[in-house]
Amino acid sequence: MGCCRAGSPCLTTPRLISNAATRCLRPIFNLCYIKFPRNYTSSPTASYSRRRYNPEHRRQLSSAPDIVRHWVEGDALSTVPPQERFTVVSYNILGDRNMSKHGDLYRNVPSNYLDWNHRKRVICEELLGLNPDIICLQEVDKYYDLLNVLEKAGYLGSHKRRTGGSVDGCAMFWKADKFQLLEGESIEYRQYGLRDNVAQLSVFKMHEAQSGRLVVGNIHVLYNPSRGDVKLGQIRFLSSRAHILSEKWDTAPIVLAGDYNSTPQSPIYKFLSSSELNLMLHNRRELSGQRQCHPSQVLGLGREKGILFVLMDSWSEEEMNVATGAPKSHIALHPLKLNSSYAMVKGSQTTRDDNGEPLATSYHSKFLGTVDYLWYSDGLVATKVLDTLPINILKKTGGLPFKKLGSDHLALVSEFAFLEGKIEATEEYAIS
């Protein structure tokens, strides 16, 4: 793990927009099938029927959509002083090599939007404009390109490359004038028989806050939809290590950022939110929910109600051991009590599903759905989030990356506040 020196002062925080209307929530998402309003008339498949990029067809689409995202405030008490608050970004920035290897996912994206120099500029402009205190990135294979920009804005950074033949990994940056790094840890999952993925854990102390310390995790979970056992094992191990660090540093609260390659309707999401999963009740190959999120399925009208019939794929003893970390156990457990920041800060019916999660955090020619999250433990409260984009706006892009969006994922941004000793949770807003 390497750290850079502190740079110049950070940019000014942009004006935050509060959208009170977004407090109303109506469930419109079942698995990955979206129930559109009755007056929705746009063709659900027009953007996906072509096999290659067609500039004439793109010009026939409606004018390029405005990419506008609004801050949505939560119900937490507003008496938390600014020095007890901090913002975290989680962002899969699409590795340059991964994009090149999987060009079929970006047939509808103009080549200039895929160029790394363009994407680097757009990504850095977005990050600096957000002015977050902590940045957690996934699919980073040009770490020093980003570091050269971010250190000039006052950030320090660390990077962990995946093992094996991959060149991308996870990177974490933090404001040197706001946080002191107390301890850092990198996880190589290969050492535990859990593939070549990696994760990061850092313990920070806020310079001006009285609330003490904070543990931040950053992970990019295995993509393979069929290996739910490995996904569970990776998440379980990260949670366990975060818990150990938290206990070591006076039960410091935890934020776990990352691309979990699992949808909000999946058993893996249930595992994260409830701390427990009975493997025998679920098909190993369907634990992530990824298979039901092809754009043609998500945008199609007159589909089934999202209930899929699949043959139960039995668990081997080895697979259960990988998932649970305990021989002959069929119950996967993790030691943390976690909430998702976006699920806790209610958004608009145009951007959220029936869990309160974004309808989509990633969009390319074979996937439209949510796999990115910011989870947090007791001792913290999510005070606001930067809402994602409505499906109709994403659809108009024809696929990500886009002009002002440098990745096929959207950045998730949450502001958190320390709870202990600063504010009390009311009956209306109880951490559950």
Protein backbone atom coordinates (compact mmCIF):
# COMPACT_ATOMS: atom_id res chain seq x y z
CA MET A 1 0.00 0.00 0.00
CA GLY A 2 1.45 3.35 -1.00
CA CYS A 3 0.54 6.87 0.05
CA CYS A 4 1.22 10.15 -1.70
CA ARG A 5 2.14 13.48 -0.18
CA ALA A 6 -0.41 16.16 0.55
CA GLY A 7 -1.11 18.64 -2.21
CA SER A 8 -2.78 21.98 -2.57
CA PRO A 9 -6.09 22.93 -0.90
CA CYS A 10 -9.25 21.25 -2.15
CA LEU A 11 -11.72 22.90 -4.48
CA THR A 12 -14.75 24.72 -3.15
CA THR A 13 -17.76 22.55 -2.41
CA PRO A 14 -20.53 23.07 -5.02
CA ARG A 15 -23.94 24.35 -3.94
CA LEU A 16 -26.06 21.50 -2.63
CA ILE A 17 -29.60 21.09 -3.90
CA SER A 18 -32.35 19.83 -1.64
CA ASN A 19 -35.32 18.23 -3.33
CA ALA A 20 -38.13 17.88 -0.83
CA ALA A 21 -40.40 16.29 -3.42
CA THR A 22 -38.19 13.23 -3.52
CA ARG A 23 -39.30 12.16 -0.06
CA CYS A 24 -42.30 10.43 -1.65
CA LEU A 25 -41.57 6.82 -2.56
CA ARG A 26 -43.73 4.42 -4.54
CA PRO A 27 -42.53 0.88 -5.30
CA ILE A 28 -42.05 0.42 -9.03
CA PHE A 29 -39.31 -2.21 -9.23
CA ASN A 30 -39.74 -5.97 -9.02
CA LEU A 31 -36.54 -7.90 -9.54
CA CYS A 32 -35.23 -5.91 -12.49
CA TYR A 33 -38.57 -5.37 -14.23
CA ILE A 34 -39.75 -1.76 -14.11
CA LYS A 35 -43.44 -0.88 -14.14
CA PHE A 36 -43.63 2.26 -16.24
CA PRO A 37 -46.50 4.77 -15.92
CA ARG A 38 -49.45 4.22 -18.24
CA ASN A 39 -48.61 7.29 -20.28
CA TYR A 40 -45.08 6.05 -20.94
CA THR A 41 -44.88 5.78 -24.74
CA SER A 42 -41.19 5.45 -25.56
CA SER A 43 -40.20 2.24 -27.33
CA PRO A 44 -38.56 -0.05 -24.78
CA THR A 45 -36.09 -1.68 -27.13
CA ALA A 46 -35.26 0.94 -29.77
CA SER A 47 -31.80 1.63 -28.36
CA TYR A 48 -30.77 -2.02 -28.17
CA SER A 49 -31.91 -3.65 -31.42
CA ARG A 50 -28.95 -2.47 -33.51
CA ARG A 51 -25.78 -4.54 -33.58
CA ARG A 52 -23.29 -1.71 -34.02
CA TYR A 53 -22.97 2.00 -33.50
CA ASN A 54 -25.05 3.89 -36.06
CA PRO A 55 -24.46 7.66 -36.01
CA GLU A 56 -27.55 8.35 -38.15
CA HIS A 57 -29.74 6.40 -35.75
CA ARG A 58 -28.25 8.24 -32.77
CA ARG A 59 -29.03 11.60 -34.38
CA GLN A 60 -32.65 10.48 -34.74
CA LEU A 61 -32.92 10.03 -30.97
CA SER A 62 -34.19 12.89 -28.88
CA SER A 63 -31.64 15.54 -27.95
CA ALA A 64 -28.93 14.49 -25.55
CA PRO A 65 -30.31 14.40 -22.01
CA ASP A 66 -29.13 16.76 -19.30
CA ILE A 67 -27.20 14.83 -16.69
CA VAL A 68 -28.43 16.47 -13.50
CA ARG A 69 -28.28 14.81 -10.10
CA HIS A 70 -29.79 16.28 -6.94
CA TRP A 71 -28.87 15.97 -3.30
CA VAL A 72 -31.62 14.38 -1.23
CA GLU A 73 -31.65 15.01 2.49
CA GLY A 74 -32.49 12.32 5.03
CA ASP A 75 -34.56 12.55 8.20
CA ALA A 76 -31.60 12.65 10.58
CA LEU A 77 -31.59 15.46 13.10
CA SER A 78 -29.95 18.58 11.70
CA THR A 79 -27.97 19.48 14.81
CA VAL A 80 -24.84 17.57 13.82
CA PRO A 81 -21.99 20.10 13.53
CA PRO A 82 -20.15 20.21 10.19
CA GLN A 83 -16.92 18.89 11.68
CA GLU A 84 -18.76 15.66 12.57
CA ARG A 85 -19.86 15.07 8.95
CA PHE A 86 -17.99 13.61 6.01
CA THR A 87 -18.79 12.55 2.43
CA VAL A 88 -17.83 9.28 0.76
CA VAL A 89 -17.85 8.39 -2.95
CA SER A 90 -18.02 4.85 -4.31
CA TYR A 91 -17.32 4.65 -8.04
CA ASN A 92 -16.47 1.84 -10.45
CA ILE A 93 -14.64 3.89 -13.08
CA LEU A 94 -14.42 1.13 -15.77
CA GLY A 95 -10.85 -0.07 -16.23
CA ASP A 96 -9.37 0.90 -19.57
CA ARG A 97 -8.18 -2.65 -20.27
CA ASN A 98 -11.54 -4.14 -19.23
CA MET A 99 -13.33 -1.78 -21.61
CA SER A 100 -11.02 -2.79 -24.46
CA LYS A 101 -11.52 -6.52 -23.77
CA HIS A 102 -15.31 -6.24 -23.69
CA GLY A 103 -16.05 -3.94 -26.60
CA ASP A 104 -19.35 -5.75 -27.25
CA LEU A 105 -20.77 -4.02 -24.16
CA TYR A 106 -20.20 -0.58 -25.68
CA ARG A 107 -21.30 -0.94 -29.30
CA ASN A 108 -23.68 1.98 -28.91
CA VAL A 109 -21.09 4.30 -27.37
CA PRO A 110 -19.10 6.65 -29.65
CA SER A 111 -15.41 5.83 -29.60
CA ASN A 112 -14.39 9.27 -28.34
CA TYR A 113 -16.44 8.66 -25.17
CA LEU A 114 -14.46 5.46 -24.59
CA ASP A 115 -11.04 7.05 -24.96
CA TRP A 116 -9.20 6.97 -21.62
CA ASN A 117 -7.96 10.57 -21.88
CA HIS A 118 -11.54 11.76 -22.27
CA ARG A 119 -12.84 9.51 -19.51
CA LYS A 120 -10.03 10.46 -17.13
CA ARG A 121 -10.82 14.15 -17.59
CA VAL A 122 -14.54 13.61 -17.08
CA ILE A 123 -14.04 11.36 -14.04
CA CYS A 124 -11.61 13.75 -12.38
CA GLU A 125 -13.84 16.75 -13.10
CA GLU A 126 -16.75 14.91 -11.51
CA LEU A 127 -14.77 13.88 -8.44
CA LEU A 128 -13.28 17.33 -7.88
CA GLY A 129 -16.67 18.94 -8.38
CA LEU A 130 -18.19 16.64 -5.75
CA ASN A 131 -15.32 17.52 -3.41
CA PRO A 132 -15.74 14.36 -1.26
CA ASP A 133 -13.72 13.65 1.84
CA ILE A 134 -13.10 9.98 0.97
CA ILE A 135 -13.10 8.40 -2.50
CA CYS A 136 -13.38 4.63 -3.06
CA LEU A 137 -12.77 3.54 -6.65
CA GLN A 138 -12.99 0.16 -8.34
CA GLU A 139 -11.56 -1.09 -11.67
CA VAL A 140 -8.57 1.24 -11.37
CA ASP A 141 -5.78 0.38 -13.80
CA LYS A 142 -4.44 3.92 -14.30
CA TYR A 143 -3.89 4.75 -10.65
CA TYR A 144 -1.08 7.25 -11.12
CA ASP A 145 -3.06 9.16 -13.76
CA LEU A 146 -5.69 9.79 -11.10
CA LEU A 147 -3.19 10.35 -8.30
CA ASN A 148 -1.41 13.08 -10.24
CA VAL A 149 -4.68 15.01 -10.42
CA LEU A 150 -6.11 14.27 -6.99
CA GLU A 151 -2.94 14.95 -4.98
CA LYS A 152 -2.92 18.49 -6.37
CA ALA A 153 -6.37 18.90 -4.81
CA GLY A 154 -5.11 17.81 -1.41
CA TYR A 155 -5.75 14.05 -1.44
CA LEU A 156 -3.57 11.18 -0.34
CA GLY A 157 -4.12 7.76 -1.88
CA SER A 158 -3.54 4.02 -1.77
CA HIS A 159 -3.99 1.33 -4.40
CA LYS A 160 -4.27 -2.46 -4.42
CA ARG A 161 -3.99 -4.32 -7.72
CA ARG A 162 -5.79 -7.59 -8.31
CA THR A 163 -3.72 -10.75 -8.30
CA GLY A 164 -3.35 -13.01 -11.32
CA GLY A 165 -3.32 -11.58 -14.84
CA SER A 166 -5.60 -8.61 -14.22
CA VAL A 167 -4.15 -5.11 -14.06
CA ASP A 168 -6.99 -3.25 -12.34
CA GLY A 169 -7.76 -3.02 -8.67
CA CYS A 170 -9.19 -0.84 -5.91
CA ALA A 171 -8.01 2.64 -4.94
CA MET A 172 -8.84 4.88 -1.99
CA PHE A 173 -8.19 8.62 -1.65
CA TRP A 174 -8.80 10.90 1.33
CA LYS A 175 -8.38 14.58 2.14
CA ALA A 176 -5.12 15.05 3.99
CA ASP A 177 -6.39 18.14 5.80
CA LYS A 178 -9.44 16.30 7.16
CA PHE A 179 -8.28 12.73 7.85
CA GLN A 180 -5.24 11.05 9.31
CA LEU A 181 -4.62 7.47 8.22
CA LEU A 182 -4.07 5.34 11.32
CA GLU A 183 -3.90 1.89 9.72
CA GLY A 184 -4.31 0.34 6.31
CA GLU A 185 -4.91 -3.23 5.20
CA SER A 186 -5.17 -4.88 1.80
CA ILE A 187 -6.98 -8.16 1.21
CA GLU A 188 -5.83 -10.59 -1.47
CA TYR A 189 -8.66 -13.10 -1.74
CA ARG A 190 -6.48 -15.60 -3.57
CA GLN A 191 -4.80 -16.39 -0.26
CA TYR A 192 -8.15 -17.70 1.01
CA GLY A 193 -9.25 -19.59 -2.10
CA LEU A 194 -11.59 -16.78 -3.14
CA ARG A 195 -10.28 -15.87 -6.62
CA ASP A 196 -8.12 -12.89 -7.62
CA ASN A 197 -10.30 -10.06 -6.34
CA VAL A 198 -8.95 -7.64 -3.74
CA ALA A 199 -10.30 -5.23 -1.14
CA GLN A 200 -8.99 -2.39 0.99
CA LEU A 201 -9.56 -1.37 4.60
CA SER A 202 -8.40 1.90 6.16
CA VAL A 203 -8.76 3.32 9.66
CA PHE A 204 -9.01 7.13 9.77
CA LYS A 205 -9.10 9.80 12.44
CA MET A 206 -10.86 13.05 11.61
CA HIS A 207 -8.63 15.96 12.59
CA GLU A 208 -11.35 18.26 13.95
CA ALA A 209 -14.03 15.78 15.02
CA GLN A 210 -14.48 14.61 18.59
CA SER A 211 -16.13 11.35 17.54
CA GLY A 212 -12.89 9.49 17.06
CA ARG A 213 -12.16 6.98 14.38
CA LEU A 214 -13.68 5.51 11.24
CA VAL A 215 -13.11 2.26 9.32
CA VAL A 216 -13.62 2.43 5.55
CA GLY A 217 -13.70 -0.61 3.27
CA ASN A 218 -13.54 -0.74 -0.51
CA ILE A 219 -14.30 -3.88 -2.53
CA HIS A 220 -14.97 -5.07 -6.07
CA VAL A 221 -16.76 -8.40 -5.67
CA LEU A 222 -16.31 -11.17 -8.24
CA TYR A 223 -18.46 -10.62 -11.33
CA ASN A 224 -19.25 -14.24 -12.29
CA PRO A 225 -23.04 -14.64 -11.69
CA SER A 226 -22.70 -18.40 -11.26
CA ARG A 227 -20.29 -18.21 -8.32
CA GLY A 228 -22.52 -16.94 -5.55
CA ASP A 229 -20.48 -18.98 -3.10
CA VAL A 230 -17.35 -16.94 -3.87
CA LYS A 231 -19.26 -13.65 -3.73
CA LEU A 232 -20.59 -14.52 -0.28
CA GLY A 233 -17.14 -15.60 0.86
CA GLN A 234 -15.56 -12.34 -0.25
CA ILE A 235 -18.22 -10.18 1.42
CA ARG A 236 -18.12 -12.27 4.60
CA PHE A 237 -14.35 -11.96 4.83
CA LEU A 238 -14.36 -8.19 4.28
CA SER A 239 -17.04 -7.77 6.95
CA SER A 240 -15.07 -9.90 9.39
CA ARG A 241 -11.84 -7.95 8.86
CA ALA A 242 -13.69 -4.63 9.15
CA HIS A 243 -15.22 -5.80 12.43
CA ILE A 244 -11.81 -6.78 13.79
CA LEU A 245 -10.36 -3.37 12.90
CA SER A 246 -13.38 -1.64 14.41
CA GLU A 247 -12.93 -3.47 17.70
CA LYS A 248 -9.21 -2.73 17.70
CA TRP A 249 -9.91 1.01 17.35
CA ASP A 250 -12.53 1.49 20.08
CA THR A 251 -15.52 0.11 18.12
CA ALA A 252 -15.06 2.64 15.34
CA PRO A 253 -18.06 2.87 12.97
CA ILE A 254 -17.70 1.36 9.50
CA VAL A 255 -18.45 2.36 5.91
CA LEU A 256 -18.18 -0.36 3.26
CA ALA A 257 -18.13 0.98 -0.31
CA GLY A 258 -17.91 -0.92 -3.54
CA ASP A 259 -19.26 -2.75 -6.54
CA TYR A 260 -20.89 -5.84 -5.03
CA ASN A 261 -22.04 -7.33 -8.36
CA SER A 262 -25.40 -8.16 -6.77
CA THR A 263 -28.79 -6.50 -7.16
CA PRO A 264 -31.07 -5.17 -4.40
CA GLN A 265 -33.52 -8.03 -4.98
CA SER A 266 -30.88 -10.72 -4.57
CA PRO A 267 -30.14 -13.09 -1.68
CA ILE A 268 -26.67 -11.53 -1.42
CA TYR A 269 -28.27 -8.14 -0.72
CA LYS A 270 -30.36 -9.85 1.96
CA PHE A 271 -27.17 -11.30 3.42
CA LEU A 272 -25.59 -7.86 3.62
CA SER A 273 -28.63 -6.20 5.17
CA SER A 274 -29.59 -8.99 7.58
CA SER A 275 -26.16 -10.53 8.39
CA GLU A 276 -27.40 -14.06 7.68
CA LEU A 277 -28.32 -16.32 4.77
CA ASN A 278 -29.50 -19.93 4.68
CA LEU A 279 -27.79 -21.37 1.62
CA MET A 280 -30.20 -24.27 1.31
CA LEU A 281 -33.05 -21.89 0.45
CA HIS A 282 -31.28 -20.44 -2.57
CA ASN A 283 -29.81 -21.42 -5.90
CA ARG A 284 -26.06 -20.78 -5.89
CA ARG A 285 -26.16 -19.63 -9.52
CA GLU A 286 -28.89 -17.08 -8.85
CA LEU A 287 -27.62 -15.50 -5.63
CA SER A 288 -26.61 -12.22 -7.27
CA GLY A 289 -29.72 -11.42 -9.35
CA GLN A 290 -27.53 -10.27 -12.25
CA ARG A 291 -29.09 -12.54 -14.85
CA GLN A 292 -32.44 -10.73 -14.72
CA CYS A 293 -31.01 -7.30 -15.60
CA HIS A 294 -30.46 -7.35 -19.35
CA PRO A 295 -31.73 -4.01 -20.75
CA SER A 296 -34.27 -5.79 -22.95
CA GLN A 297 -35.73 -7.44 -19.82
CA VAL A 298 -35.67 -4.30 -17.73
CA LEU A 299 -37.20 -2.01 -20.34
CA GLY A 300 -39.60 -4.51 -21.90
CA LEU A 301 -43.37 -4.00 -21.48
CA GLY A 302 -45.88 -6.80 -20.87
CA ARG A 303 -43.31 -9.02 -19.20
CA GLU A 304 -43.88 -11.47 -16.40
CA LYS A 305 -43.98 -10.03 -12.90
CA GLY A 306 -40.38 -10.95 -12.29
CA ILE A 307 -40.91 -14.43 -10.87
CA LEU A 308 -38.47 -16.75 -12.59
CA PHE A 309 -38.58 -20.53 -12.55
CA VAL A 310 -35.12 -22.06 -12.36
CA LEU A 311 -33.91 -25.49 -11.42
CA MET A 312 -32.37 -25.63 -7.96
CA ASP A 313 -28.60 -26.00 -8.22
CA SER A 314 -27.46 -28.08 -5.26
CA TRP A 315 -24.58 -26.95 -3.08
CA SER A 316 -21.46 -29.07 -2.74
CA GLU A 317 -19.69 -29.28 0.60
CA GLU A 318 -16.77 -27.31 -0.86
CA GLU A 319 -19.05 -24.52 -2.11
CA MET A 320 -20.75 -24.22 1.27
CA ASN A 321 -17.36 -24.03 2.93
CA VAL A 322 -16.30 -21.24 0.55
CA ALA A 323 -19.50 -19.29 1.26
CA THR A 324 -19.68 -19.76 5.02
CA GLY A 325 -16.05 -20.23 6.01
CA ALA A 326 -17.19 -23.01 8.33
CA PRO A 327 -17.03 -26.72 7.43
CA LYS A 328 -20.40 -28.44 7.05
CA SER A 329 -22.35 -25.25 7.78
CA HIS A 330 -25.13 -24.07 5.47
CA ILE A 331 -25.64 -20.70 7.19
CA ALA A 332 -23.55 -17.77 5.99
CA LEU A 333 -23.01 -15.09 8.65
CA HIS A 334 -21.23 -11.78 8.95
CA PRO A 335 -20.67 -9.84 12.19
CA LEU A 336 -21.89 -6.37 11.20
CA LYS A 337 -25.22 -4.58 11.46
CA LEU A 338 -25.37 -2.68 8.19
CA ASN A 339 -27.66 -0.18 6.50
CA SER A 340 -27.44 1.06 2.92
CA SER A 341 -27.24 4.85 2.75
CA TYR A 342 -29.45 5.13 -0.34
CA ALA A 343 -32.09 2.82 1.13
CA MET A 344 -32.17 4.92 4.30
CA VAL A 345 -32.46 8.29 2.53
CA LYS A 346 -35.63 8.02 0.49
CA GLY A 347 -35.58 9.24 -3.09
CA SER A 348 -37.95 9.83 -5.98
CA GLN A 349 -40.13 7.14 -7.53
CA THR A 350 -38.32 7.87 -10.80
CA THR A 351 -34.94 6.84 -9.37
CA ARG A 352 -35.61 4.25 -6.63
CA ASP A 353 -36.92 0.71 -6.34
CA ASP A 354 -39.08 -0.86 -3.63
CA ASN A 355 -36.01 -1.32 -1.39
CA GLY A 356 -35.24 2.39 -1.67
CA GLU A 357 -32.13 1.56 -3.69
CA PRO A 358 -31.34 3.20 -7.04
CA LEU A 359 -33.09 1.68 -10.03
CA ALA A 360 -29.76 1.60 -11.83
CA THR A 361 -26.13 2.33 -11.00
CA SER A 362 -24.71 0.65 -14.12
CA TYR A 363 -25.79 0.61 -17.77
CA HIS A 364 -24.29 -0.98 -20.86
CA SER A 365 -25.63 -3.15 -23.68
CA LYS A 366 -26.01 -6.24 -21.46
CA PHE A 367 -26.89 -4.82 -18.05
CA LEU A 368 -29.17 -2.17 -16.59
CA GLY A 369 -29.49 -2.29 -12.81
CA THR A 370 -27.91 -1.65 -9.43
CA VAL A 371 -24.80 -3.35 -8.08
CA ASP A 372 -23.06 -0.48 -6.22
CA TYR A 373 -23.68 0.42 -2.57
CA LEU A 374 -22.48 2.41 0.42
CA TRP A 375 -23.13 0.35 3.54
CA TYR A 376 -22.61 1.73 7.05
CA SER A 377 -22.75 0.46 10.61
CA ASP A 378 -24.07 1.66 13.96
CA GLY A 379 -22.47 4.88 15.14
CA LEU A 380 -23.18 6.65 11.87
CA VAL A 381 -26.24 8.10 10.17
CA ALA A 382 -26.67 8.89 6.48
CA THR A 383 -27.67 12.56 6.31
CA LYS A 384 -27.99 12.92 2.54
CA VAL A 385 -27.20 11.18 -0.77
CA LEU A 386 -26.67 12.32 -4.33
CA ASP A 387 -29.62 10.77 -6.13
CA THR A 388 -29.01 8.73 -9.28
CA LEU A 389 -30.61 9.22 -12.69
CA PRO A 390 -34.12 8.18 -13.81
CA ILE A 391 -34.29 5.24 -16.18
CA ASN A 392 -35.68 7.37 -19.00
CA ILE A 393 -32.63 9.65 -18.81
CA LEU A 394 -30.25 6.70 -18.83
CA LYS A 395 -32.12 5.18 -21.75
CA LYS A 396 -31.65 8.36 -23.78
CA THR A 397 -27.88 8.07 -23.46
CA GLY A 398 -27.99 4.81 -25.43
CA GLY A 399 -25.48 3.34 -22.99
CA LEU A 400 -22.65 4.50 -20.76
CA PRO A 401 -20.02 6.01 -20.82
CA PHE A 402 -21.54 9.25 -22.05
CA LYS A 403 -20.39 12.81 -22.72
CA LYS A 404 -20.25 13.84 -19.05
CA LEU A 405 -20.21 10.35 -17.54
CA GLY A 406 -16.80 8.69 -17.69
CA SER A 407 -17.81 5.14 -16.75
CA ASP A 408 -20.53 2.56 -17.30
CA HIS A 409 -21.35 3.03 -13.60
CA LEU A 410 -22.67 6.04 -11.73
CA ALA A 411 -20.79 7.41 -8.76
CA LEU A 412 -22.61 6.94 -5.46
CA VAL A 413 -22.17 9.77 -2.96
CA SER A 414 -23.32 9.91 0.66
CA GLU A 415 -22.81 12.29 3.52
CA PHE A 416 -22.54 10.63 6.92
CA ALA A 417 -22.50 11.99 10.45
CA PHE A 418 -21.21 10.49 13.67
CA LEU A 419 -24.05 9.61 16.02
CA GLU A 420 -22.47 8.72 19.34
CA GLY A 421 -22.42 11.61 21.79
CA LYS A 422 -23.61 14.13 19.19
CA ILE A 423 -27.24 13.47 18.40
CA GLU A 424 -29.86 11.01 19.53
CA ALA A 425 -31.95 8.88 17.24
CA THR A 426 -35.66 9.59 17.62
CA GLU A 427 -38.46 7.02 17.46
CA GLU A 428 -39.18 8.32 13.96
CA TYR A 429 -35.59 7.72 12.87
CA ALA A 430 -34.29 4.68 14.68
CA ILE A 431 -31.30 2.82 13.40
CA SER A 432 -32.57 -0.67 12.77
